Amino acid sequence: RMAGRVVGSYVNLLDRRGHYLYLGGYEPEERSLGLGMVVVGSAIRAGIEAGRAFVDFGRGGEEYKYWYGAVDTHVDSYIVGHAGTRSSLVLTSGRAWSAARRRAGAAAHARRAS
């Protein structure tokens, strides 16, 4: 809150093992406050204090995750379908999407390494 109004929020999920950063939103005009960095840092601290073994940033190679020391981890995905047209389209687009993600991830990894 700032001046009595909500300027950001974040939803985190917990289980016995980990702290999962899920979904955040912030007022764009307040970006200079660094709300995202503060909230993510606080969430990491809360996970450590609660004895969680890891913090999961979720999918995606956004640069801010690496600022906190995140490392890339393979996560399996499964699509279940049937022989119908709709399932065939989903499976085909899923394969194309996965290939594009792998290429983008490799490019991002190369940029970080340089």
PDB file of N, CA and C in Angstrom:
ATOM      1  N   ARG A   1       0.846  -1.181   0.000  1.00  0.00           N
ATOM      2  CA  ARG A   1       0.000   0.000   0.000  1.00  0.00           C
ATOM      3  C   ARG A   1       0.886   1.236   0.000  1.00  0.00           C
ATOM      4  N   MET A   2       0.358   2.256  -0.653  1.00  0.00           N
ATOM      5  CA  MET A   2       1.053   3.540  -0.668  1.00  0.00           C
ATOM      6  C   MET A   2      -0.022   4.618  -0.637  1.00  0.00           C
ATOM      7  N   ALA A   3       0.068   5.483   0.330  1.00  0.00           N
ATOM      8  CA  ALA A   3      -0.924   6.540   0.501  1.00  0.00           C
ATOM      9  C   ALA A   3      -2.349   5.967   0.552  1.00  0.00           C
ATOM     10  N   GLY A   4      -2.474   4.824   1.209  1.00  0.00           N
ATOM     11  CA  GLY A   4      -3.797   4.227   1.405  1.00  0.00           C
ATOM     12  C   GLY A   4      -4.345   3.421   0.236  1.00  0.00           C
ATOM     13  N   ARG A   5      -3.588   3.306  -0.833  1.00  0.00           N
ATOM     14  CA  ARG A   5      -4.090   2.516  -1.967  1.00  0.00           C
ATOM     15  C   ARG A   5      -3.150   1.347  -2.251  1.00  0.00           C
ATOM     16  N   VAL A   6      -3.729   0.288  -2.762  1.00  0.00           N
ATOM     17  CA  VAL A   6      -2.944  -0.898  -3.113  1.00  0.00           C
ATOM     18  C   VAL A   6      -2.159  -0.599  -4.383  1.00  0.00           C
ATOM     19  N   VAL A   7      -0.844  -0.812  -4.337  1.00  0.00           N
ATOM     20  CA  VAL A   7      -0.011  -0.569  -5.509  1.00  0.00           C
ATOM     21  C   VAL A   7       0.611  -1.858  -6.042  1.00  0.00           C
ATOM     22  N   GLY A   8       0.379  -2.955  -5.352  1.00  0.00           N
ATOM     23  CA  GLY A   8       0.897  -4.229  -5.833  1.00  0.00           C
ATOM     24  C   GLY A   8       0.402  -5.375  -4.988  1.00  0.00           C
ATOM     25  N   SER A   9       0.399  -6.549  -5.592  1.00  0.00           N
ATOM     26  CA  SER A   9       0.042  -7.760  -4.845  1.00  0.00           C
ATOM     27  C   SER A   9       0.757  -8.942  -5.477  1.00  0.00           C
ATOM     28  N   TYR A  10       0.892  -9.992  -4.713  1.00  0.00           N
ATOM     29  CA  TYR A  10       1.565 -11.198  -5.189  1.00  0.00           C
ATOM     30  C   TYR A  10       0.910 -12.391  -4.538  1.00  0.00           C
ATOM     31  N   VAL A  11       0.708 -13.438  -5.305  1.00  0.00           N
ATOM     32  CA  VAL A  11       0.158 -14.689  -4.788  1.00  0.00           C
ATOM     33  C   VAL A  11       1.279 -15.718  -4.808  1.00  0.00           C
ATOM     34  N   ASN A  12       1.559 -16.319  -3.661  1.00  0.00           N
ATOM     35  CA  ASN A  12       2.551 -17.379  -3.541  1.00  0.00           C
ATOM     36  C   ASN A  12       1.857 -18.634  -3.042  1.00  0.00           C
ATOM     37  N   LEU A  13       2.407 -19.767  -3.402  1.00  0.00           N
ATOM     38  CA  LEU A  13       1.878 -21.047  -2.951  1.00  0.00           C
ATOM     39  C   LEU A  13       2.971 -21.775  -2.182  1.00  0.00           C
ATOM     40  N   LEU A  14       2.575 -22.524  -1.168  1.00  0.00           N
ATOM     41  CA  LEU A  14       3.531 -23.257  -0.342  1.00  0.00           C
ATOM     42  C   LEU A  14       3.108 -24.712  -0.201  1.00  0.00           C
ATOM     43  N   ASP A  15       4.086 -25.585  -0.083  1.00  0.00           N
ATOM     44  CA  ASP A  15       3.826 -26.926   0.403  1.00  0.00           C
ATOM     45  C   ASP A  15       4.943 -27.241   1.396  1.00  0.00           C
ATOM     46  N   ARG A  16       5.045 -28.462   1.844  1.00  0.00           N
ATOM     47  CA  ARG A  16       6.060 -28.780   2.852  1.00  0.00           C
ATOM     48  C   ARG A  16       7.475 -28.604   2.326  1.00  0.00           C
ATOM     49  N   ARG A  17       7.665 -28.765   1.018  1.00  0.00           N
ATOM     50  CA  ARG A  17       9.010 -28.712   0.447  1.00  0.00           C
ATOM     51  C   ARG A  17       9.407 -27.347  -0.072  1.00  0.00           C
ATOM     52  N   GLY A  18       8.488 -26.651  -0.748  1.00  0.00           N
ATOM     53  CA  GLY A  18       8.901 -25.463  -1.474  1.00  0.00           C
ATOM     54  C   GLY A  18       7.983 -24.274  -1.342  1.00  0.00           C
ATOM     55  N   HIS A  19       8.502 -23.169  -1.821  1.00  0.00           N
ATOM     56  CA  HIS A  19       7.796 -21.892  -1.874  1.00  0.00           C
ATOM     57  C   HIS A  19       7.695 -21.544  -3.351  1.00  0.00           C
ATOM     58  N   TYR A  20       6.482 -21.458  -3.877  1.00  0.00           N
ATOM     59  CA  TYR A  20       6.264 -21.262  -5.304  1.00  0.00           C
ATOM     60  C   TYR A  20       5.762 -19.847  -5.564  1.00  0.00           C
ATOM     61  N   LEU A  21       6.561 -19.071  -6.292  1.00  0.00           N
ATOM     62  CA  LEU A  21       6.157 -17.722  -6.662  1.00  0.00           C
ATOM     63  C   LEU A  21       5.204 -17.863  -7.838  1.00  0.00           C
ATOM     64  N   TYR A  22       4.016 -17.312  -7.717  1.00  0.00           N
ATOM     65  CA  TYR A  22       2.992 -17.609  -8.709  1.00  0.00           C
ATOM     66  C   TYR A  22       2.607 -16.428  -9.581  1.00  0.00           C
ATOM     67  N   LEU A  23       2.023 -15.396  -8.991  1.00  0.00           N
ATOM     68  CA  LEU A  23       1.450 -14.345  -9.825  1.00  0.00           C
ATOM     69  C   LEU A  23       1.505 -13.008  -9.092  1.00  0.00           C
ATOM     70  N   GLY A  24       2.075 -12.017  -9.747  1.00  0.00           N
ATOM     71  CA  GLY A  24       2.149 -10.697  -9.145  1.00  0.00           C
ATOM     72  C   GLY A  24       1.631  -9.624 -10.091  1.00  0.00           C
ATOM     73  N   GLY A  25       1.267  -8.506  -9.515  1.00  0.00           N
ATOM     74  CA  GLY A  25       0.821  -7.375 -10.299  1.00  0.00           C
ATOM     75  C   GLY A  25       1.125  -6.081  -9.564  1.00  0.00           C
ATOM     76  N   TYR A  26       1.512  -5.061 -10.304  1.00  0.00           N
ATOM     77  CA  TYR A  26       1.936  -3.799  -9.706  1.00  0.00           C
ATOM     78  C   TYR A  26       1.431  -2.638 -10.539  1.00  0.00           C
ATOM     79  N   GLU A  27       1.210  -1.522  -9.891  1.00  0.00           N
ATOM     80  CA  GLU A  27       0.822  -0.299 -10.597  1.00  0.00           C
ATOM     81  C   GLU A  27       1.996   0.162 -11.447  1.00  0.00           C
ATOM     82  N   PRO A  28       1.826   0.270 -12.750  1.00  0.00           N
ATOM     83  CA  PRO A  28       2.946   0.660 -13.622  1.00  0.00           C
ATOM     84  C   PRO A  28       3.568   2.004 -13.253  1.00  0.00           C
ATOM     85  N   GLU A  29       2.773   2.959 -12.803  1.00  0.00           N
ATOM     86  CA  GLU A  29       3.360   4.269 -12.485  1.00  0.00           C
ATOM     87  C   GLU A  29       4.216   4.251 -11.222  1.00  0.00           C
ATOM     88  N   GLU A  30       4.185   3.135 -10.483  1.00  0.00           N
ATOM     89  CA  GLU A  30       5.007   3.021  -9.271  1.00  0.00           C
ATOM     90  C   GLU A  30       6.228   2.123  -9.505  1.00  0.00           C
ATOM     91  N   ARG A  31       6.587   1.886 -10.760  1.00  0.00           N
ATOM     92  CA  ARG A  31       7.684   0.969 -11.064  1.00  0.00           C
ATOM     93  C   ARG A  31       9.006   1.410 -10.445  1.00  0.00           C
ATOM     94  N   SER A  32       9.189   2.700 -10.227  1.00  0.00           N
ATOM     95  CA  SER A  32      10.452   3.185  -9.662  1.00  0.00           C
ATOM     96  C   SER A  32      10.666   2.702  -8.229  1.00  0.00           C
ATOM     97  N   LEU A  33       9.611   2.224  -7.572  1.00  0.00           N
ATOM     98  CA  LEU A  33       9.744   1.717  -6.206  1.00  0.00           C
ATOM     99  C   LEU A  33      10.379   0.326  -6.160  1.00  0.00           C
ATOM    100  N   GLY A  34      10.461  -0.342  -7.291  1.00  0.00           N
ATOM    101  CA  GLY A  34      11.032  -1.691  -7.320  1.00  0.00           C
ATOM    102  C   GLY A  34      10.191  -2.698  -6.559  1.00  0.00           C
ATOM    103  N   LEU A  35       8.864  -2.555  -6.633  1.00  0.00           N
ATOM    104  CA  LEU A  35       7.975  -3.420  -5.865  1.00  0.00           C
ATOM    105  C   LEU A  35       8.187  -4.904  -6.156  1.00  0.00           C
ATOM    106  N   GLY A  36       8.379  -5.237  -7.408  1.00  0.00           N
ATOM    107  CA  GLY A  36       8.576  -6.643  -7.761  1.00  0.00           C
ATOM    108  C   GLY A  36       9.795  -7.223  -7.072  1.00  0.00           C
ATOM    109  N   MET A  37      10.899  -6.506  -7.097  1.00  0.00           N
ATOM    110  CA  MET A  37      12.126  -6.989  -6.465  1.00  0.00           C
ATOM    111  C   MET A  37      11.950  -7.122  -4.954  1.00  0.00           C
ATOM    112  N   VAL A  38      11.270  -6.169  -4.354  1.00  0.00           N
ATOM    113  CA  VAL A  38      11.039  -6.222  -2.909  1.00  0.00           C
ATOM    114  C   VAL A  38      10.165  -7.415  -2.548  1.00  0.00           C
ATOM    115  N   VAL A  39       9.085  -7.615  -3.293  1.00  0.00           N
ATOM    116  CA  VAL A  39       8.157  -8.699  -2.986  1.00  0.00           C
ATOM    117  C   VAL A  39       8.811 -10.061  -3.200  1.00  0.00           C
ATOM    118  N   VAL A  40       9.529 -10.213  -4.297  1.00  0.00           N
ATOM    119  CA  VAL A  40      10.182 -11.495  -4.554  1.00  0.00           C
ATOM    120  C   VAL A  40      11.246 -11.761  -3.492  1.00  0.00           C
ATOM    121  N   GLY A  41      12.029 -10.752  -3.145  1.00  0.00           N
ATOM    122  CA  GLY A  41      13.024 -10.918  -2.077  1.00  0.00           C
ATOM    123  C   GLY A  41      12.383 -11.301  -0.758  1.00  0.00           C
ATOM    124  N   SER A  42      11.274 -10.676  -0.430  1.00  0.00           N
ATOM    125  CA  SER A  42      10.556 -11.006   0.811  1.00  0.00           C
ATOM    126  C   SER A  42      10.012 -12.429   0.767  1.00  0.00           C
ATOM    127  N   ALA A  43       9.520 -12.850  -0.391  1.00  0.00           N
ATOM    128  CA  ALA A  43       8.999 -14.209  -0.535  1.00  0.00           C
ATOM    129  C   ALA A  43      10.118 -15.233  -0.368  1.00  0.00           C
ATOM    130  N   ILE A  44      11.280 -14.948  -0.933  1.00  0.00           N
ATOM    131  CA  ILE A  44      12.418 -15.852  -0.776  1.00  0.00           C
ATOM    132  C   ILE A  44      12.800 -15.945   0.693  1.00  0.00           C
ATOM    133  N   ARG A  45      12.880 -14.805   1.355  1.00  0.00           N
ATOM    134  CA  ARG A  45      13.214 -14.804   2.782  1.00  0.00           C
ATOM    135  C   ARG A  45      12.191 -15.590   3.591  1.00  0.00           C
ATOM    136  N   ALA A  46      10.901 -15.405   3.288  1.00  0.00           N
ATOM    137  CA  ALA A  46       9.846 -16.131   4.010  1.00  0.00           C
ATOM    138  C   ALA A  46       9.980 -17.633   3.791  1.00  0.00           C
ATOM    139  N   GLY A  47      10.323 -18.051   2.570  1.00  0.00           N
ATOM    140  CA  GLY A  47      10.512 -19.472   2.290  1.00  0.00           C
ATOM    141  C   GLY A  47      11.670 -20.052   3.080  1.00  0.00           C
ATOM    142  N   ILE A  48      12.766 -19.313   3.144  1.00  0.00           N
ATOM    143  CA  ILE A  48      13.932 -19.764   3.921  1.00  0.00           C
ATOM    144  C   ILE A  48      13.580 -19.856   5.399  1.00  0.00           C
ATOM    145  N   GLU A  49      12.945 -18.811   5.936  1.00  0.00           N
ATOM    146  CA  GLU A  49      12.581 -18.797   7.354  1.00  0.00           C
ATOM    147  C   GLU A  49      11.602 -19.910   7.703  1.00  0.00           C
ATOM    148  N   ALA A  50      10.758 -20.300   6.740  1.00  0.00           N
ATOM    149  CA  ALA A  50       9.789 -21.374   6.983  1.00  0.00           C
ATOM    150  C   ALA A  50      10.417 -22.751   6.759  1.00  0.00           C
ATOM    151  N   GLY A  51      11.699 -22.796   6.416  1.00  0.00           N
ATOM    152  CA  GLY A  51      12.394 -24.056   6.247  1.00  0.00           C
ATOM    153  C   GLY A  51      12.133 -24.749   4.921  1.00  0.00           C
ATOM    154  N   ARG A  52      11.668 -24.027   3.927  1.00  0.00           N
ATOM    155  CA  ARG A  52      11.419 -24.628   2.621  1.00  0.00           C
ATOM    156  C   ARG A  52      12.756 -24.954   1.951  1.00  0.00           C
ATOM    157  N   ALA A  53      12.795 -26.052   1.203  1.00  0.00           N
ATOM    158  CA  ALA A  53      14.027 -26.507   0.568  1.00  0.00           C
ATOM    159  C   ALA A  53      14.364 -25.710  -0.686  1.00  0.00           C
ATOM    160  N   PHE A  54      13.362 -25.081  -1.303  1.00  0.00           N
ATOM    161  CA  PHE A  54      13.614 -24.345  -2.541  1.00  0.00           C
ATOM    162  C   PHE A  54      12.539 -23.300  -2.763  1.00  0.00           C
ATOM    163  N   VAL A  55      12.877 -22.354  -3.627  1.00  0.00           N
ATOM    164  CA  VAL A  55      11.913 -21.373  -4.124  1.00  0.00           C
ATOM    165  C   VAL A  55      11.793 -21.632  -5.618  1.00  0.00           C
ATOM    166  N   ASP A  56      10.573 -21.796  -6.086  1.00  0.00           N
ATOM    167  CA  ASP A  56      10.310 -22.087  -7.487  1.00  0.00           C
ATOM    168  C   ASP A  56       9.766 -20.825  -8.150  1.00  0.00           C
ATOM    169  N   PHE A  57      10.505 -20.300  -9.125  1.00  0.00           N
ATOM    170  CA  PHE A  57      10.096 -19.093  -9.840  1.00  0.00           C
ATOM    171  C   PHE A  57       9.114 -19.377 -10.961  1.00  0.00           C
ATOM    172  N   GLY A  58       8.846 -20.645 -11.233  1.00  0.00           N
ATOM    173  CA  GLY A  58       7.958 -20.991 -12.329  1.00  0.00           C
ATOM    174  C   GLY A  58       8.692 -20.980 -13.655  1.00  0.00           C
ATOM    175  N   ARG A  59       7.952 -21.206 -14.704  1.00  0.00           N
ATOM    176  CA  ARG A  59       8.537 -21.285 -16.040  1.00  0.00           C
ATOM    177  C   ARG A  59       8.895 -19.908 -16.575  1.00  0.00           C
ATOM    178  N   GLY A  60       9.837 -19.910 -17.500  1.00  0.00           N
ATOM    179  CA  GLY A  60      10.201 -18.684 -18.185  1.00  0.00           C
ATOM    180  C   GLY A  60      11.603 -18.237 -17.826  1.00  0.00           C
ATOM    181  N   GLY A  61      12.271 -17.628 -18.783  1.00  0.00           N
ATOM    182  CA  GLY A  61      13.645 -17.193 -18.592  1.00  0.00           C
ATOM    183  C   GLY A  61      13.791 -15.712 -18.325  1.00  0.00           C
ATOM    184  N   GLU A  62      12.838 -15.123 -17.600  1.00  0.00           N
ATOM    185  CA  GLU A  62      12.918 -13.686 -17.311  1.00  0.00           C
ATOM    186  C   GLU A  62      14.201 -13.387 -16.536  1.00  0.00           C
ATOM    187  N   GLU A  63      14.865 -12.319 -16.933  1.00  0.00           N
ATOM    188  CA  GLU A  63      16.170 -11.968 -16.363  1.00  0.00           C
ATOM    189  C   GLU A  63      16.150 -11.776 -14.844  1.00  0.00           C
ATOM    190  N   TYR A  64      15.059 -11.233 -14.291  1.00  0.00           N
ATOM    191  CA  TYR A  64      15.050 -10.965 -12.850  1.00  0.00           C
ATOM    192  C   TYR A  64      15.257 -12.242 -12.051  1.00  0.00           C
ATOM    193  N   LYS A  65      14.852 -13.371 -12.546  1.00  0.00           N
ATOM    194  CA  LYS A  65      15.005 -14.633 -11.825  1.00  0.00           C
ATOM    195  C   LYS A  65      16.477 -14.962 -11.612  1.00  0.00           C
ATOM    196  N   TYR A  66      17.293 -14.680 -12.602  1.00  0.00           N
ATOM    197  CA  TYR A  66      18.716 -14.979 -12.505  1.00  0.00           C
ATOM    198  C   TYR A  66      19.429 -13.999 -11.575  1.00  0.00           C
ATOM    199  N   TRP A  67      18.877 -12.815 -11.428  1.00  0.00           N
ATOM    200  CA  TRP A  67      19.446 -11.846 -10.486  1.00  0.00           C
ATOM    201  C   TRP A  67      19.418 -12.421  -9.065  1.00  0.00           C
ATOM    202  N   TYR A  68      18.388 -13.225  -8.783  1.00  0.00           N
ATOM    203  CA  TYR A  68      18.258 -13.861  -7.477  1.00  0.00           C
ATOM    204  C   TYR A  68      19.031 -15.165  -7.385  1.00  0.00           C
ATOM    205  N   GLY A  69      19.686 -15.571  -8.457  1.00  0.00           N
ATOM    206  CA  GLY A  69      20.481 -16.796  -8.427  1.00  0.00           C
ATOM    207  C   GLY A  69      19.757 -18.022  -8.942  1.00  0.00           C
ATOM    208  N   ALA A  70      18.629 -17.844  -9.616  1.00  0.00           N
ATOM    209  CA  ALA A  70      17.904 -18.989 -10.150  1.00  0.00           C
ATOM    210  C   ALA A  70      18.759 -19.730 -11.168  1.00  0.00           C
ATOM    211  N   VAL A  71      18.553 -21.033 -11.251  1.00  0.00           N
ATOM    212  CA  VAL A  71      19.213 -21.855 -12.264  1.00  0.00           C
ATOM    213  C   VAL A  71      18.134 -22.551 -13.088  1.00  0.00           C
ATOM    214  N   ASP A  72      18.447 -22.766 -14.361  1.00  0.00           N
ATOM    215  CA  ASP A  72      17.495 -23.441 -15.233  1.00  0.00           C
ATOM    216  C   ASP A  72      17.327 -24.893 -14.797  1.00  0.00           C
ATOM    217  N   THR A  73      16.094 -25.344 -14.778  1.00  0.00           N
ATOM    218  CA  THR A  73      15.757 -26.704 -14.401  1.00  0.00           C
ATOM    219  C   THR A  73      14.763 -27.247 -15.406  1.00  0.00           C
ATOM    220  N   HIS A  74      15.014 -28.458 -15.875  1.00  0.00           N
ATOM    221  CA  HIS A  74      14.090 -29.065 -16.825  1.00  0.00           C
ATOM    222  C   HIS A  74      12.795 -29.460 -16.105  1.00  0.00           C
ATOM    223  N   VAL A  75      11.677 -29.129 -16.705  1.00  0.00           N
ATOM    224  CA  VAL A  75      10.374 -29.497 -16.162  1.00  0.00           C
ATOM    225  C   VAL A  75       9.614 -30.224 -17.264  1.00  0.00           C
ATOM    226  N   ASP A  76       9.241 -31.456 -16.997  1.00  0.00           N
ATOM    227  CA  ASP A  76       8.480 -32.221 -17.983  1.00  0.00           C
ATOM    228  C   ASP A  76       7.070 -31.686 -18.093  1.00  0.00           C
ATOM    229  N   SER A  77       6.544 -31.708 -19.308  1.00  0.00           N
ATOM    230  CA  SER A  77       5.156 -31.340 -19.576  1.00  0.00           C
ATOM    231  C   SER A  77       4.517 -32.463 -20.351  1.00  0.00           C
ATOM    232  N   TYR A  78       3.255 -32.677 -20.111  1.00  0.00           N
ATOM    233  CA  TYR A  78       2.536 -33.723 -20.811  1.00  0.00           C
ATOM    234  C   TYR A  78       1.228 -33.174 -21.347  1.00  0.00           C
ATOM    235  N   ILE A  79       0.917 -33.547 -22.579  1.00  0.00           N
ATOM    236  CA  ILE A  79      -0.359 -33.196 -23.174  1.00  0.00           C
ATOM    237  C   ILE A  79      -1.087 -34.506 -23.447  1.00  0.00           C
ATOM    238  N   VAL A  80      -2.275 -34.609 -22.952  1.00  0.00           N
ATOM    239  CA  VAL A  80      -3.072 -35.810 -23.154  1.00  0.00           C
ATOM    240  C   VAL A  80      -4.178 -35.479 -24.143  1.00  0.00           C
ATOM    241  N   GLY A  81      -4.359 -36.339 -25.129  1.00  0.00           N
ATOM    242  CA  GLY A  81      -5.377 -36.072 -26.131  1.00  0.00           C
ATOM    243  C   GLY A  81      -5.946 -37.356 -26.694  1.00  0.00           C
ATOM    244  N   HIS A  82      -6.577 -37.237 -27.835  1.00  0.00           N
ATOM    245  CA  HIS A  82      -7.174 -38.384 -28.524  1.00  0.00           C
ATOM    246  C   HIS A  82      -6.922 -38.209 -30.018  1.00  0.00           C
ATOM    247  N   ALA A  83      -7.477 -39.057 -30.833  1.00  0.00           N
ATOM    248  CA  ALA A  83      -7.191 -39.062 -32.261  1.00  0.00           C
ATOM    249  C   ALA A  83      -7.956 -37.989 -33.044  1.00  0.00           C
ATOM    250  N   GLY A  84      -8.770 -37.190 -32.380  1.00  0.00           N
ATOM    251  CA  GLY A  84      -9.564 -36.168 -33.063  1.00  0.00           C
ATOM    252  C   GLY A  84      -8.733 -35.008 -33.580  1.00  0.00           C
ATOM    253  N   THR A  85      -9.352 -34.206 -34.437  1.00  0.00           N
ATOM    254  CA  THR A  85      -8.682 -33.068 -35.068  1.00  0.00           C
ATOM    255  C   THR A  85      -8.163 -32.068 -34.039  1.00  0.00           C
ATOM    256  N   ARG A  86      -8.995 -31.732 -33.063  1.00  0.00           N
ATOM    257  CA  ARG A  86      -8.593 -30.734 -32.074  1.00  0.00           C
ATOM    258  C   ARG A  86      -7.352 -31.187 -31.306  1.00  0.00           C
ATOM    259  N   SER A  87      -7.330 -32.445 -30.860  1.00  0.00           N
ATOM    260  CA  SER A  87      -6.162 -32.955 -30.147  1.00  0.00           C
ATOM    261  C   SER A  87      -4.931 -32.978 -31.034  1.00  0.00           C
ATOM    262  N   SER A  88      -5.107 -33.353 -32.298  1.00  0.00           N
ATOM    263  CA  SER A  88      -3.972 -33.374 -33.223  1.00  0.00           C
ATOM    264  C   SER A  88      -3.381 -31.977 -33.383  1.00  0.00           C
ATOM    265  N   LEU A  89      -4.244 -30.968 -33.493  1.00  0.00           N
ATOM    266  CA  LEU A  89      -3.759 -29.593 -33.606  1.00  0.00           C
ATOM    267  C   LEU A  89      -3.019 -29.155 -32.354  1.00  0.00           C
ATOM    268  N   VAL A  90      -3.557 -29.500 -31.200  1.00  0.00           N
ATOM    269  CA  VAL A  90      -2.911 -29.131 -29.940  1.00  0.00           C
ATOM    270  C   VAL A  90      -1.556 -29.803 -29.819  1.00  0.00           C
ATOM    271  N   LEU A  91      -1.489 -31.093 -30.142  1.00  0.00           N
ATOM    272  CA  LEU A  91      -0.217 -31.810 -30.048  1.00  0.00           C
ATOM    273  C   LEU A  91       0.815 -31.239 -31.011  1.00  0.00           C
ATOM    274  N   THR A  92       0.413 -30.925 -32.227  1.00  0.00           N
ATOM    275  CA  THR A  92       1.330 -30.356 -33.213  1.00  0.00           C
ATOM    276  C   THR A  92       1.817 -28.976 -32.763  1.00  0.00           C
ATOM    277  N   SER A  93       0.902 -28.133 -32.316  1.00  0.00           N
ATOM    278  CA  SER A  93       1.311 -26.803 -31.860  1.00  0.00           C
ATOM    279  C   SER A  93       2.136 -26.905 -30.585  1.00  0.00           C
ATOM    280  N   GLY A  94       1.843 -27.880 -29.732  1.00  0.00           N
ATOM    281  CA  GLY A  94       2.626 -28.086 -28.510  1.00  0.00           C
ATOM    282  C   GLY A  94       4.069 -28.432 -28.820  1.00  0.00           C
ATOM    283  N   ARG A  95       4.272 -29.287 -29.809  1.00  0.00           N
ATOM    284  CA  ARG A  95       5.644 -29.640 -30.214  1.00  0.00           C
ATOM    285  C   ARG A  95       6.377 -28.416 -30.757  1.00  0.00           C
ATOM    286  N   ALA A  96       5.700 -27.635 -31.590  1.00  0.00           N
ATOM    287  CA  ALA A  96       6.313 -26.425 -32.148  1.00  0.00           C
ATOM    288  C   ALA A  96       6.641 -25.429 -31.035  1.00  0.00           C
ATOM    289  N   TRP A  97       5.715 -25.270 -30.085  1.00  0.00           N
ATOM    290  CA  TRP A  97       5.926 -24.349 -28.960  1.00  0.00           C
ATOM    291  C   TRP A  97       7.118 -24.803 -28.119  1.00  0.00           C
ATOM    292  N   SER A  98       7.213 -26.101 -27.846  1.00  0.00           N
ATOM    293  CA  SER A  98       8.334 -26.632 -27.053  1.00  0.00           C
ATOM    294  C   SER A  98       9.658 -26.394 -27.758  1.00  0.00           C
ATOM    295  N   ALA A  99       9.701 -26.614 -29.069  1.00  0.00           N
ATOM    296  CA  ALA A  99      10.935 -26.395 -29.824  1.00  0.00           C
ATOM    297  C   ALA A  99      11.331 -24.921 -29.776  1.00  0.00           C
ATOM    298  N   ALA A 100      10.361 -24.030 -29.926  1.00  0.00           N
ATOM    299  CA  ALA A 100      10.644 -22.589 -29.864  1.00  0.00           C
ATOM    300  C   ALA A 100      11.143 -22.197 -28.477  1.00  0.00           C
ATOM    301  N   ARG A 101      10.547 -22.761 -27.432  1.00  0.00           N
ATOM    302  CA  ARG A 101      10.985 -22.474 -26.060  1.00  0.00           C
ATOM    303  C   ARG A 101      12.408 -22.943 -25.838  1.00  0.00           C
ATOM    304  N   ARG A 102      12.737 -24.130 -26.343  1.00  0.00           N
ATOM    305  CA  ARG A 102      14.107 -24.638 -26.185  1.00  0.00           C
ATOM    306  C   ARG A 102      15.103 -23.709 -26.885  1.00  0.00           C
ATOM    307  N   ARG A 103      14.756 -23.254 -28.101  1.00  0.00           N
ATOM    308  CA  ARG A 103      15.651 -22.333 -28.815  1.00  0.00           C
ATOM    309  C   ARG A 103      15.807 -21.019 -28.056  1.00  0.00           C
ATOM    310  N   ALA A 104      14.699 -20.481 -27.558  1.00  0.00           N
ATOM    311  CA  ALA A 104      14.753 -19.221 -26.806  1.00  0.00           C
ATOM    312  C   ALA A 104      15.551 -19.390 -25.524  1.00  0.00           C
ATOM    313  N   GLY A 105      15.372 -20.514 -24.852  1.00  0.00           N
ATOM    314  CA  GLY A 105      16.124 -20.783 -23.622  1.00  0.00           C
ATOM    315  C   GLY A 105      17.608 -20.896 -23.882  1.00  0.00           C
ATOM    316  N   ALA A 106      17.978 -21.558 -24.965  1.00  0.00           N
ATOM    317  CA  ALA A 106      19.384 -21.685 -25.317  1.00  0.00           C
ATOM    318  C   ALA A 106      19.996 -20.322 -25.641  1.00  0.00           C
ATOM    319  N   ALA A 107      19.233 -19.489 -26.353  1.00  0.00           N
ATOM    320  CA  ALA A 107      19.724 -18.145 -26.680  1.00  0.00           C
ATOM    321  C   ALA A 107      19.883 -17.300 -25.427  1.00  0.00           C
ATOM    322  N   ALA A 108      18.924 -17.388 -24.513  1.00  0.00           N
ATOM    323  CA  ALA A 108      19.017 -16.620 -23.258  1.00  0.00           C
ATOM    324  C   ALA A 108      20.197 -17.103 -22.425  1.00  0.00           C
ATOM    325  N   HIS A 109      20.406 -18.404 -22.388  1.00  0.00           N
ATOM    326  CA  HIS A 109      21.527 -18.955 -21.644  1.00  0.00           C
ATOM    327  C   HIS A 109      22.860 -18.475 -22.235  1.00  0.00           C
ATOM    328  N   ALA A 110      22.950 -18.435 -23.564  1.00  0.00           N
ATOM    329  CA  ALA A 110      24.150 -17.944 -24.219  1.00  0.00           C
ATOM    330  C   ALA A 110      24.408 -16.472 -23.905  1.00  0.00           C
ATOM    331  N   ARG A 111      23.318 -15.669 -23.864  1.00  0.00           N
ATOM    332  CA  ARG A 111      23.480 -14.242 -23.523  1.00  0.00           C
ATOM    333  C   ARG A 111      23.987 -14.088 -22.090  1.00  0.00           C
ATOM    334  N   ARG A 112      23.450 -14.870 -21.156  1.00  0.00           N
ATOM    335  CA  ARG A 112      23.883 -14.764 -19.759  1.00  0.00           C
ATOM    336  C   ARG A 112      25.325 -15.211 -19.584  1.00  0.00           C
ATOM    337  N   ALA A 113      25.746 -16.199 -20.369  1.00  0.00           N
ATOM    338  CA  ALA A 113      27.110 -16.743 -20.250  1.00  0.00           C
ATOM    339  C   ALA A 113      28.149 -15.778 -20.808  1.00  0.00           C
ATOM    340  N   SER A 114      27.733 -14.882 -21.696  1.00  0.00           N
ATOM    341  CA  SER A 114      28.718 -13.979 -22.314  1.00  0.00           C
ATOM    342  C   SER A 114      28.949 -12.740 -21.497  1.00  0.00           C
TER     343      SER A 114
END
